[in-house]
Amino acid sequence: MSTQGIVKTCGALLAAGSLISACSSGDAHTKDAAVQTPTIAVAPAAAVEQPIARFIRVSGSLMAEEQADVAAEIAGRIVATPVERGTRVAQGAELVRLSPVETAASLDEAVANAAQIEARLALGADGTFDVTKVPEVANAKAGLVLAQAEFDRIAKLLDQRVVSQSEYDQRRTQVEAAHQQYESAKNAAQQQYQALLAARARVTLARKAAADAVVRAPFTGIVGQRMVSIGDYVTKGMKIAEVVRITPLRVQLTVPEQFVAAVGVGQPVALAVDAFPQRTFTGKVRYVSPALRADQRALTVEAVVPNENGELKPGMFATALVQQAEKTPAVLVPGTAVQTIAGTSRVYVVKGDRVEERVVTTGQKLESLVEISSGLKAGEQVATSGVAQLVDGMKIK
């Protein structure tokens, strides 16, 4: 190759190298422009401090307000069972009916015996007892009056020496005998009256037995179980049905020892159950145990929860928030300002045109606000929008 050709070739290579260098420089500028992060628009809000109601989170179980194992008061054979499981019954409603033949006959006999004694005692129209109006007593009294009159007449004749001393003594003996008969008649009448009282007591028992032939609900509730059927023979005290009252319900809660001083009768309770995850049921504390349970070092607290629709069932596990009596100050921010990932909560504090990441500890939730227990002070501004796109030190507008 000639010297001129070599010069041309070298010039071409230099030109190509310059072109490649220029292209490489342009690509670098393009990459630098691509890595620049765009400015994020955020809505800042100030952390505010205000007193809030504190809650104690506890757990427990729902229980029926009342639960009764209804038993037969008398022995007999079942002739009717008008209720089934789940039947709603009012107080006094019929649950089971026993054969009334024996109880009705016993009642008739008791009434007849009492009426017989009443007739013998000749009670007044208003049922009052006057011993002097009893026929036997009246007869004895009449005999005593007659004997006394005869004795008085004989006594006068004795003074006149018309009758003998023996006849006088005889009349006096007759008066004493008539007096004893009169007292004996009164005592017998008193005994008959006591017998009447006993007969009336037997009438009362017979009436109760007749009424007990129908087993009734002790209170308004729901039949949880019926243990007998028509034709079964039951004995006195035999369990025949179970009635429960679930309006309202009781919830027995276990409160840790450190919160004992913060719980009292009448405090509001917010209740949550797994069956209704999106709902909250409210109630009030009705009972606080006077002592802690030694096995748990915890306090037993009972609350009452309305259950008009019967949605809550006895035996459900419940988580409850018991509101404390006094409010305490707390730092609150909007819930949208808090980002929680893998159990760690963060907020982004606005510092001029940039944000600063803060790891915080959250507390109670209050509607749309969240308590910040640590990591943030009242008055500091936090980002409430675009939080998921923010990183520490990012420029904002």
Protein backbone atom coordinates (compact mmCIF):
# COMPACT_ATOMS: atom_id res chain seq x y z
CA MET A 1 0.00 0.00 0.00
CA SER A 2 1.20 3.51 -0.84
CA THR A 3 1.78 6.17 1.75
CA GLN A 4 -1.31 8.10 0.58
CA GLY A 5 -3.52 5.03 1.00
CA ILE A 6 -2.27 4.44 4.51
CA VAL A 7 -3.09 8.02 5.44
CA LYS A 8 -6.65 7.70 4.09
CA THR A 9 -7.22 4.46 5.99
CA CYS A 10 -6.00 5.96 9.25
CA GLY A 11 -8.26 8.98 8.76
CA ALA A 12 -11.26 6.78 8.23
CA LEU A 13 -10.53 4.81 11.41
CA LEU A 14 -10.14 8.01 13.44
CA ALA A 15 -13.43 9.32 12.12
CA ALA A 16 -15.15 6.06 13.02
CA GLY A 17 -13.63 6.16 16.51
CA SER A 18 -14.85 9.69 17.03
CA LEU A 19 -18.34 8.68 15.96
CA ILE A 20 -18.37 5.72 18.35
CA SER A 21 -17.13 7.92 21.17
CA ALA A 22 -19.83 10.46 20.49
CA CYS A 23 -22.50 7.78 20.47
CA SER A 24 -21.22 6.33 23.76
CA SER A 25 -21.26 9.76 25.38
CA GLY A 26 -24.87 10.31 24.27
CA ASP A 27 -25.97 6.97 25.76
CA ALA A 28 -24.44 7.87 29.13
CA HIS A 29 -26.33 11.15 29.27
CA THR A 30 -29.52 9.31 28.43
CA LYS A 31 -28.96 6.79 31.27
CA ASP A 32 -28.28 9.58 33.79
CA ALA A 33 -31.52 11.23 32.83
CA ALA A 34 -33.39 7.92 33.24
CA VAL A 35 -32.20 7.29 36.84
CA GLN A 36 -33.42 10.62 38.12
CA THR A 37 -36.46 9.94 40.42
CA PRO A 38 -39.56 12.00 39.71
CA THR A 39 -40.90 14.28 42.45
CA ILE A 40 -43.90 12.80 44.35
CA ALA A 41 -46.85 14.95 45.35
CA VAL A 42 -47.99 14.28 48.93
CA ALA A 43 -50.66 15.67 51.25
CA PRO A 44 -49.08 16.50 54.60
CA ALA A 45 -50.97 16.43 57.89
CA ALA A 46 -49.85 17.38 61.38
CA ALA A 47 -49.71 14.86 64.20
CA VAL A 48 -52.12 16.06 66.88
CA GLU A 49 -52.24 15.35 70.58
CA GLN A 50 -55.61 14.86 72.25
CA PRO A 51 -57.09 12.78 75.09
CA ILE A 52 -58.62 9.47 74.03
CA ALA A 53 -60.45 6.68 75.78
CA ARG A 54 -58.22 3.75 76.58
CA PHE A 55 -59.33 0.15 76.13
CA ILE A 56 -58.28 -3.10 77.73
CA ARG A 57 -58.25 -6.00 75.27
CA VAL A 58 -59.47 -9.19 76.92
CA SER A 59 -61.14 -12.42 75.88
CA GLY A 60 -63.90 -14.64 77.20
CA SER A 61 -66.92 -16.78 76.41
CA LEU A 62 -70.60 -16.00 75.90
CA MET A 63 -73.09 -17.58 78.28
CA ALA A 64 -76.87 -17.67 78.49
CA GLU A 65 -78.46 -15.13 80.79
CA GLU A 66 -80.49 -17.93 82.39
CA GLN A 67 -80.42 -21.70 81.89
CA ALA A 68 -82.77 -24.06 83.72
CA ASP A 69 -83.12 -27.83 83.75
CA VAL A 70 -86.89 -28.14 84.20
CA ALA A 71 -87.95 -31.23 86.17
CA ALA A 72 -91.27 -32.92 86.96
CA GLU A 73 -92.76 -32.03 90.35
CA ILE A 74 -94.88 -35.20 90.49
CA ALA A 75 -94.77 -38.72 89.09
CA GLY A 76 -96.96 -39.61 86.16
CA ARG A 77 -97.25 -40.56 82.51
CA ILE A 78 -96.65 -38.03 79.74
CA VAL A 79 -99.75 -37.37 77.64
CA ALA A 80 -98.67 -34.25 75.65
CA THR A 81 -95.44 -32.55 74.55
CA PRO A 82 -96.41 -29.30 72.77
CA VAL A 83 -92.84 -27.98 72.35
CA GLU A 84 -89.76 -29.06 70.39
CA ARG A 85 -86.12 -27.99 70.35
CA GLY A 86 -85.76 -24.36 69.42
CA THR A 87 -89.34 -23.45 70.36
CA ARG A 88 -89.59 -19.94 71.79
CA VAL A 89 -91.70 -20.00 74.94
CA ALA A 90 -93.05 -17.34 77.26
CA GLN A 91 -92.90 -17.59 81.02
CA GLY A 92 -95.54 -20.07 82.16
CA ALA A 93 -95.93 -21.71 78.74
CA GLU A 94 -96.74 -25.41 78.74
CA LEU A 95 -93.76 -27.69 78.13
CA VAL A 96 -95.10 -31.14 79.05
CA ARG A 97 -98.45 -32.41 80.34
CA LEU A 98 -98.87 -35.44 82.61
CA SER A 99 -101.99 -37.54 83.05
CA PRO A 100 -104.31 -35.62 85.45
CA VAL A 101 -106.49 -38.57 86.58
CA GLU A 102 -104.78 -39.31 89.88
CA THR A 103 -104.13 -35.71 90.85
CA ALA A 104 -107.71 -34.68 90.06
CA ALA A 105 -109.11 -37.53 92.17
CA SER A 106 -106.83 -36.65 95.08
CA LEU A 107 -107.95 -33.05 94.87
CA ASP A 108 -111.63 -34.02 94.93
CA GLU A 109 -111.06 -36.22 97.97
CA ALA A 110 -109.22 -33.49 99.85
CA VAL A 111 -111.91 -30.93 99.06
CA ALA A 112 -114.65 -33.31 100.22
CA ASN A 113 -112.91 -34.05 103.53
CA ALA A 114 -112.45 -30.37 104.24
CA ALA A 115 -116.09 -29.63 103.39
CA GLN A 116 -117.24 -32.40 105.75
CA ILE A 117 -115.37 -30.88 108.68
CA GLU A 118 -116.60 -27.39 107.79
CA ALA A 119 -120.18 -28.62 107.89
CA ARG A 120 -119.64 -30.28 111.27
CA LEU A 121 -118.25 -27.05 112.69
CA ALA A 122 -121.10 -24.93 111.27
CA LEU A 123 -118.82 -22.17 110.03
CA GLY A 124 -120.28 -18.75 109.33
CA ALA A 125 -121.10 -17.47 105.89
CA ASP A 126 -117.72 -15.75 105.74
CA GLY A 127 -115.93 -18.94 106.86
CA THR A 128 -115.15 -17.73 110.39
CA PHE A 129 -115.03 -20.18 113.27
CA ASP A 130 -117.10 -19.57 116.45
CA VAL A 131 -116.79 -22.39 118.96
CA THR A 132 -120.11 -21.50 120.66
CA LYS A 133 -121.98 -22.14 117.38
CA VAL A 134 -120.77 -25.69 117.01
CA PRO A 135 -123.86 -27.95 117.58
CA GLU A 136 -122.21 -30.20 120.17
CA VAL A 137 -120.95 -27.16 122.08
CA ALA A 138 -124.35 -25.47 121.91
CA ASN A 139 -126.07 -28.61 123.27
CA ALA A 140 -123.56 -28.91 126.10
CA LYS A 141 -124.02 -25.27 126.96
CA ALA A 142 -127.81 -25.66 127.04
CA GLY A 143 -127.45 -28.65 129.40
CA LEU A 144 -125.17 -26.61 131.63
CA VAL A 145 -127.66 -23.72 131.76
CA LEU A 146 -130.50 -26.12 132.65
CA ALA A 147 -128.50 -27.87 135.36
CA GLN A 148 -127.44 -24.52 136.81
CA ALA A 149 -131.07 -23.33 136.93
CA GLU A 150 -132.18 -26.52 138.69
CA PHE A 151 -129.36 -26.19 141.18
CA ASP A 152 -130.27 -22.58 141.96
CA ARG A 153 -133.91 -23.59 142.60
CA ILE A 154 -132.88 -26.48 144.84
CA ALA A 155 -130.51 -24.20 146.76
CA LYS A 156 -133.42 -21.86 147.62
CA LEU A 157 -135.62 -24.78 148.68
CA LEU A 158 -132.85 -26.11 150.89
CA ASP A 159 -132.81 -22.84 152.79
CA GLN A 160 -136.53 -23.29 153.39
CA ARG A 161 -135.98 -26.87 154.54
CA VAL A 162 -138.20 -28.15 151.69
CA VAL A 163 -135.61 -30.49 150.09
CA SER A 164 -133.01 -32.70 151.61
CA GLN A 165 -129.26 -32.20 151.66
CA SER A 166 -128.76 -35.25 149.44
CA GLU A 167 -130.96 -33.86 146.69
CA TYR A 168 -129.03 -30.58 146.91
CA ASP A 169 -125.74 -32.45 146.54
CA GLN A 170 -127.10 -34.38 143.58
CA ARG A 171 -128.07 -31.17 141.72
CA ARG A 172 -124.67 -29.66 142.43
CA THR A 173 -122.97 -32.74 140.98
CA GLN A 174 -125.16 -32.46 137.88
CA VAL A 175 -124.02 -28.84 137.39
CA GLU A 176 -120.37 -29.85 137.64
CA ALA A 177 -120.91 -32.69 135.16
CA ALA A 178 -122.69 -30.35 132.73
CA HIS A 179 -119.83 -27.88 133.02
CA GLN A 180 -117.30 -30.61 132.24
CA GLN A 181 -119.35 -31.71 129.24
CA TYR A 182 -119.44 -28.14 128.00
CA GLU A 183 -115.65 -27.74 128.28
CA SER A 184 -115.14 -31.13 126.65
CA ALA A 185 -117.39 -30.12 123.75
CA LYS A 186 -115.41 -26.91 123.26
CA ASN A 187 -112.12 -28.81 123.28
CA ALA A 188 -113.49 -31.29 120.73
CA ALA A 189 -114.63 -28.42 118.54
CA GLN A 190 -111.17 -26.83 118.74
CA GLN A 191 -109.61 -30.13 117.71
CA GLN A 192 -112.00 -30.43 114.80
CA TYR A 193 -111.06 -26.91 113.72
CA GLN A 194 -107.37 -27.85 113.74
CA ALA A 195 -108.30 -30.92 111.70
CA LEU A 196 -110.04 -28.57 109.28
CA LEU A 197 -106.86 -26.53 108.93
CA ALA A 198 -104.95 -29.74 108.16
CA ALA A 199 -107.58 -30.74 105.63
CA ARG A 200 -107.32 -27.35 103.96
CA ALA A 201 -103.54 -27.77 103.80
CA ARG A 202 -104.09 -31.12 102.06
CA VAL A 203 -106.39 -29.35 99.62
CA THR A 204 -103.62 -26.86 98.88
CA LEU A 205 -101.14 -29.67 98.27
CA ALA A 206 -103.65 -31.50 96.09
CA ARG A 207 -104.26 -28.36 94.05
CA LYS A 208 -100.51 -27.90 93.58
CA ALA A 209 -100.15 -31.52 92.49
CA ALA A 210 -102.98 -31.03 90.00
CA ALA A 211 -101.30 -27.87 88.69
CA ASP A 212 -97.93 -29.67 88.54
CA ALA A 213 -99.41 -32.13 86.09
CA VAL A 214 -98.60 -29.39 83.56
CA VAL A 215 -94.87 -28.55 83.53
CA ARG A 216 -94.36 -24.91 82.54
CA ALA A 217 -91.47 -22.73 81.43
CA PRO A 218 -89.88 -20.89 84.38
CA PHE A 219 -89.03 -17.83 82.24
CA THR A 220 -89.22 -16.53 78.70
CA GLY A 221 -86.63 -18.24 76.52
CA ILE A 222 -85.92 -21.02 74.05
CA VAL A 223 -86.31 -24.75 74.55
CA GLY A 224 -82.78 -26.08 74.22
CA GLN A 225 -83.69 -29.72 74.68
CA ARG A 226 -86.67 -31.98 75.46
CA MET A 227 -85.81 -35.30 77.12
CA VAL A 228 -89.20 -37.06 77.22
CA SER A 229 -91.88 -38.17 74.77
CA ILE A 230 -95.57 -39.07 74.95
CA GLY A 231 -96.03 -42.31 76.89
CA ASP A 232 -92.93 -41.96 79.05
CA TYR A 233 -93.38 -42.37 82.78
CA VAL A 234 -91.53 -39.77 84.82
CA THR A 235 -90.76 -39.64 88.51
CA LYS A 236 -90.57 -36.62 90.79
CA GLY A 237 -87.42 -34.63 90.10
CA MET A 238 -86.77 -36.20 86.70
CA LYS A 239 -85.35 -33.73 84.14
CA ILE A 240 -87.72 -33.29 81.21
CA ALA A 241 -86.59 -30.13 79.36
CA GLU A 242 -83.93 -27.43 79.20
CA VAL A 243 -84.89 -23.78 78.78
CA VAL A 244 -82.34 -21.03 78.08
CA ARG A 245 -82.64 -17.26 77.92
CA ILE A 246 -80.28 -15.66 75.40
CA THR A 247 -81.65 -12.12 75.51
CA PRO A 248 -79.48 -10.59 76.81
CA LEU A 249 -76.32 -12.69 76.93
CA ARG A 250 -73.60 -12.73 79.55
CA VAL A 251 -69.94 -12.67 78.60
CA GLN A 252 -67.39 -13.82 81.15
CA LEU A 253 -64.07 -12.06 80.63
CA THR A 254 -60.63 -12.66 82.12
CA VAL A 255 -58.79 -9.42 82.96
CA PRO A 256 -55.02 -9.55 83.69
CA GLU A 257 -53.89 -8.48 87.14
CA GLN A 258 -52.24 -5.23 85.97
CA PHE A 259 -55.58 -3.89 84.73
CA VAL A 260 -57.61 -4.70 87.86
CA ALA A 261 -57.78 -1.06 89.00
CA ALA A 262 -59.03 0.07 85.58
CA VAL A 263 -62.17 -2.09 85.49
CA GLY A 264 -65.44 -1.22 87.22
CA VAL A 265 -69.16 -1.89 87.05
CA GLY A 266 -70.96 0.08 84.34
CA GLN A 267 -67.98 0.50 81.98
CA PRO A 268 -68.74 0.09 78.25
CA VAL A 269 -67.60 -3.06 76.45
CA ALA A 270 -67.11 -3.54 72.70
CA LEU A 271 -67.41 -7.19 71.69
CA ALA A 272 -66.23 -9.03 68.56
CA VAL A 273 -66.83 -12.67 67.56
CA ASP A 274 -65.46 -14.73 64.69
CA ALA A 275 -68.95 -15.45 63.35
CA PHE A 276 -69.47 -11.74 62.54
CA PRO A 277 -65.98 -10.37 61.74
CA GLN A 278 -67.24 -7.02 60.44
CA ARG A 279 -69.55 -6.24 63.37
CA THR A 280 -69.09 -4.92 66.90
CA PHE A 281 -71.54 -5.66 69.71
CA THR A 282 -71.75 -3.37 72.71
CA GLY A 283 -72.52 -4.04 76.35
CA LYS A 284 -71.71 -3.00 79.91
CA VAL A 285 -69.81 -4.50 82.81
CA ARG A 286 -72.30 -5.86 85.37
CA TYR A 287 -70.11 -7.77 87.79
CA VAL A 288 -66.49 -7.59 88.93
CA SER A 289 -65.17 -10.47 91.03
CA PRO A 290 -64.01 -9.42 94.51
CA ALA A 291 -60.91 -11.65 94.22
CA LEU A 292 -58.43 -12.82 91.59
CA ARG A 293 -58.25 -16.42 90.45
CA ALA A 294 -55.13 -17.90 92.00
CA ASP A 295 -54.44 -20.24 89.08
CA GLN A 296 -54.38 -17.40 86.51
CA ARG A 297 -53.66 -14.29 88.58
CA ALA A 298 -56.55 -12.73 86.70
CA LEU A 299 -59.87 -11.11 87.53
CA THR A 300 -63.21 -12.49 86.40
CA VAL A 301 -65.47 -9.80 84.95
CA GLU A 302 -68.99 -10.31 83.64
CA ALA A 303 -70.65 -8.05 81.08
CA VAL A 304 -74.17 -8.03 79.66
CA VAL A 305 -74.67 -7.78 75.88
CA PRO A 306 -78.09 -7.21 74.23
CA ASN A 307 -79.07 -9.98 71.83
CA GLU A 308 -82.54 -9.08 70.57
CA ASN A 309 -82.12 -10.88 67.23
CA GLY A 310 -80.57 -13.97 68.79
CA GLU A 311 -77.50 -13.75 66.55
CA LEU A 312 -75.04 -14.39 69.35
CA LYS A 313 -74.99 -17.91 70.76
CA PRO A 314 -73.89 -19.20 74.16
CA GLY A 315 -70.45 -20.78 73.98
CA MET A 316 -69.03 -18.38 71.38
CA PHE A 317 -65.50 -17.13 71.97
CA ALA A 318 -65.37 -13.35 72.16
CA THR A 319 -62.70 -10.66 72.13
CA ALA A 320 -63.68 -7.58 74.09
CA LEU A 321 -62.44 -4.04 74.53
CA VAL A 322 -63.27 -2.68 77.97
CA GLN A 323 -63.24 1.11 78.02
CA GLN A 324 -61.32 2.62 80.94
CA ALA A 325 -62.94 5.30 83.04
CA GLU A 326 -60.34 8.08 82.41
CA LYS A 327 -59.04 9.45 79.11
CA THR A 328 -55.30 9.95 78.56
CA PRO A 329 -53.40 12.06 75.96
CA ALA A 330 -52.22 10.44 72.73
CA VAL A 331 -50.47 11.49 69.49
CA LEU A 332 -52.74 10.78 66.54
CA VAL A 333 -52.17 10.75 62.77
CA PRO A 334 -54.46 9.77 59.88
CA GLY A 335 -54.49 6.05 59.25
CA THR A 336 -53.39 6.62 55.64
CA ALA A 337 -50.06 8.00 56.90
CA VAL A 338 -49.03 4.69 58.45
CA GLN A 339 -47.49 1.96 56.31
CA THR A 340 -47.16 -1.45 57.99
CA ILE A 341 -45.06 -4.15 56.33
CA ALA A 342 -44.13 -7.44 58.01
CA GLY A 343 -45.27 -6.09 61.37
CA THR A 344 -43.15 -2.93 61.18
CA SER A 345 -44.98 0.41 60.96
CA ARG A 346 -43.49 3.49 59.29
CA VAL A 347 -44.47 7.08 58.64
CA TYR A 348 -42.75 9.67 56.42
CA VAL A 349 -42.10 12.99 58.12
CA VAL A 350 -42.09 16.03 55.83
CA LYS A 351 -38.78 17.95 56.11
CA GLY A 352 -38.89 20.86 53.65
CA ASP A 353 -39.04 19.39 50.14
CA ARG A 354 -38.02 15.89 51.25
CA VAL A 355 -39.34 13.12 53.50
CA GLU A 356 -37.70 11.32 56.38
CA GLU A 357 -38.62 7.72 57.12
CA ARG A 358 -39.54 6.96 60.78
CA VAL A 359 -40.19 3.57 62.32
CA VAL A 360 -43.03 4.05 64.82
CA THR A 361 -45.04 2.06 67.34
CA THR A 362 -48.79 2.21 66.87
CA GLY A 363 -51.44 2.06 69.60
CA GLN A 364 -55.19 2.25 69.51
CA LYS A 365 -57.29 3.10 66.47
CA LEU A 366 -59.83 5.89 66.70
CA GLU A 367 -62.07 5.86 63.63
CA SER A 368 -59.81 7.21 60.82
CA LEU A 369 -56.94 8.07 63.19
CA VAL A 370 -54.15 5.90 64.58
CA GLU A 371 -52.28 6.46 67.82
CA ILE A 372 -48.48 6.71 67.55
CA SER A 373 -47.05 5.50 70.84
CA SER A 374 -43.41 6.22 69.97
CA GLY A 375 -41.32 7.58 67.11
CA LEU A 376 -43.27 10.77 66.42
CA LYS A 377 -44.01 14.02 68.25
CA ALA A 378 -47.13 16.14 68.19
CA GLY A 379 -46.94 18.90 65.56
CA GLU A 380 -44.69 17.06 63.12
CA GLN A 381 -45.99 16.85 59.54
CA VAL A 382 -46.46 13.42 57.97
CA ALA A 383 -47.30 12.42 54.41
CA THR A 384 -50.81 11.01 54.06
CA SER A 385 -50.86 10.21 50.31
CA GLY A 386 -48.58 8.30 48.01
CA VAL A 387 -46.98 6.67 51.06
CA ALA A 388 -46.37 3.38 49.26
CA GLN A 389 -44.14 5.17 46.71
CA LEU A 390 -42.00 7.04 49.21
CA VAL A 391 -38.50 6.21 50.38
CA ASP A 392 -36.24 7.90 52.87
CA GLY A 393 -34.91 11.22 51.57
CA MET A 394 -37.17 11.35 48.52
CA LYS A 395 -37.97 14.81 47.13
CA ILE A 396 -41.63 15.78 47.32
CA LYS A 397 -43.87 18.61 46.34
